[in-house]
Amino acid sequence: MSPRFVGERIDVETEGTVKQPVALVWRGQRHGVTEVIAAWFDWGFSPAATQKNWRTRRHRNYFRVKLDNGDICEIYLDRPPSSAEGEWFLYQILD
């Protein structure tokens, strides 16, 4: 698979307490998620972080998903350190 970087904000429909993605909306088009291939967490620091503490740490939940059109994508939920909901991003499309 050769990845194609996207890096755009998307809307994601989730279900369950773990917020499993079931569909995403990218550039006005809705795509159903037919399979969650993998899931992992990133609690690392940005390379640009001058201080490494809980406020500068990333809190991301990544998912590799297969869409109903056959595309395989990596998306992530960028969670703020507070109790706010966070934002979803389409990280890359894998060919």
Protein backbone atom coordinates (compact mmCIF):
# COMPACT_ATOMS: atom_id res chain seq x y z
CA MET A 1 0.00 0.00 0.00
CA SER A 2 1.34 3.41 -0.92
CA PRO A 3 -0.29 6.10 1.23
CA ARG A 4 -1.76 9.30 -0.16
CA PHE A 5 -1.71 12.02 2.52
CA VAL A 6 -4.98 13.95 2.90
CA GLY A 7 -4.96 15.66 6.32
CA GLU A 8 -8.50 17.10 6.12
CA ARG A 9 -11.15 17.48 8.79
CA ILE A 10 -14.12 15.13 8.36
CA ASP A 11 -17.38 14.31 10.12
CA VAL A 12 -17.66 10.81 11.51
CA GLU A 13 -20.69 8.86 12.71
CA THR A 14 -19.82 6.54 15.59
CA GLU A 15 -21.48 3.91 17.72
CA GLY A 16 -20.74 2.33 21.06
CA THR A 17 -18.90 3.66 24.06
CA VAL A 18 -15.52 3.35 22.30
CA LYS A 19 -16.68 5.56 19.42
CA GLN A 20 -16.24 2.98 16.64
CA PRO A 21 -16.59 4.74 13.25
CA VAL A 22 -19.54 3.52 11.16
CA ALA A 23 -19.56 6.25 8.46
CA LEU A 24 -17.65 9.37 7.48
CA VAL A 25 -18.44 12.48 5.46
CA TRP A 26 -15.58 13.83 3.38
CA ARG A 27 -15.99 16.72 0.92
CA GLY A 28 -19.77 16.48 1.20
CA GLN A 29 -19.93 12.75 0.38
CA ARG A 30 -20.99 10.11 2.92
CA HIS A 31 -19.10 6.80 2.97
CA GLY A 32 -20.10 3.85 5.11
CA VAL A 33 -17.42 1.97 7.03
CA THR A 34 -17.68 -1.73 6.16
CA GLU A 35 -14.75 -2.87 8.32
CA VAL A 36 -12.47 -1.54 11.02
CA ILE A 37 -9.18 -3.19 10.06
CA ALA A 38 -7.06 -1.85 12.93
CA ALA A 39 -7.19 0.63 15.80
CA TRP A 40 -4.39 2.18 17.87
CA PHE A 41 -3.61 5.16 20.10
CA ASP A 42 -0.99 7.92 19.86
CA TRP A 43 -0.05 9.65 23.11
CA GLY A 44 3.23 11.07 21.79
CA PHE A 45 4.51 14.61 21.49
CA SER A 46 4.71 16.84 18.45
CA PRO A 47 8.27 17.26 17.14
CA ALA A 48 7.76 21.01 17.60
CA ALA A 49 6.88 20.70 21.31
CA THR A 50 9.33 22.70 23.38
CA GLN A 51 7.92 21.32 26.64
CA LYS A 52 6.85 17.74 27.17
CA ASN A 53 3.98 17.59 29.62
CA TRP A 54 0.34 16.48 29.62
CA ARG A 55 -0.80 19.74 27.96
CA THR A 56 1.45 19.30 24.91
CA ARG A 57 0.87 15.56 24.49
CA ARG A 58 -1.20 14.33 21.53
CA HIS A 59 -4.30 12.31 22.32
CA ARG A 60 -5.33 10.56 19.12
CA ASN A 61 -7.36 7.46 18.39
CA TYR A 62 -6.42 6.07 14.96
CA PHE A 63 -8.50 3.71 12.85
CA ARG A 64 -7.67 1.96 9.59
CA VAL A 65 -11.04 1.42 7.91
CA LYS A 66 -12.44 -0.02 4.71
CA LEU A 67 -15.16 2.10 3.11
CA ASP A 68 -18.18 0.95 1.12
CA ASN A 69 -16.47 2.15 -2.10
CA GLY A 70 -13.49 -0.18 -1.44
CA ASP A 71 -11.03 2.50 -0.30
CA ILE A 72 -8.89 1.83 2.75
CA CYS A 73 -8.25 4.93 4.86
CA GLU A 74 -6.63 5.94 8.09
CA ILE A 75 -8.67 8.37 10.16
CA TYR A 76 -8.14 9.69 13.65
CA LEU A 77 -9.98 11.41 16.46
CA ASP A 78 -7.86 14.26 17.82
CA ARG A 79 -8.98 14.45 21.45
CA PRO A 80 -8.16 17.54 23.49
CA PRO A 81 -6.85 16.97 27.03
CA SER A 82 -10.12 18.38 28.38
CA SER A 83 -13.52 16.70 28.26
CA ALA A 84 -14.38 18.31 24.90
CA GLU A 85 -15.49 16.04 22.05
CA GLY A 86 -12.52 16.44 19.70
CA GLU A 87 -12.22 16.55 15.90
CA TRP A 88 -11.94 13.82 13.30
CA PHE A 89 -9.44 13.88 10.43
CA LEU A 90 -8.88 11.82 7.30
CA TYR A 91 -5.15 11.21 7.64
CA GLN A 92 -4.43 9.19 4.49
CA ILE A 93 -5.85 6.93 1.81
CA LEU A 94 -3.99 3.69 1.21
CA ASP A 95 -3.83 2.33 -2.34
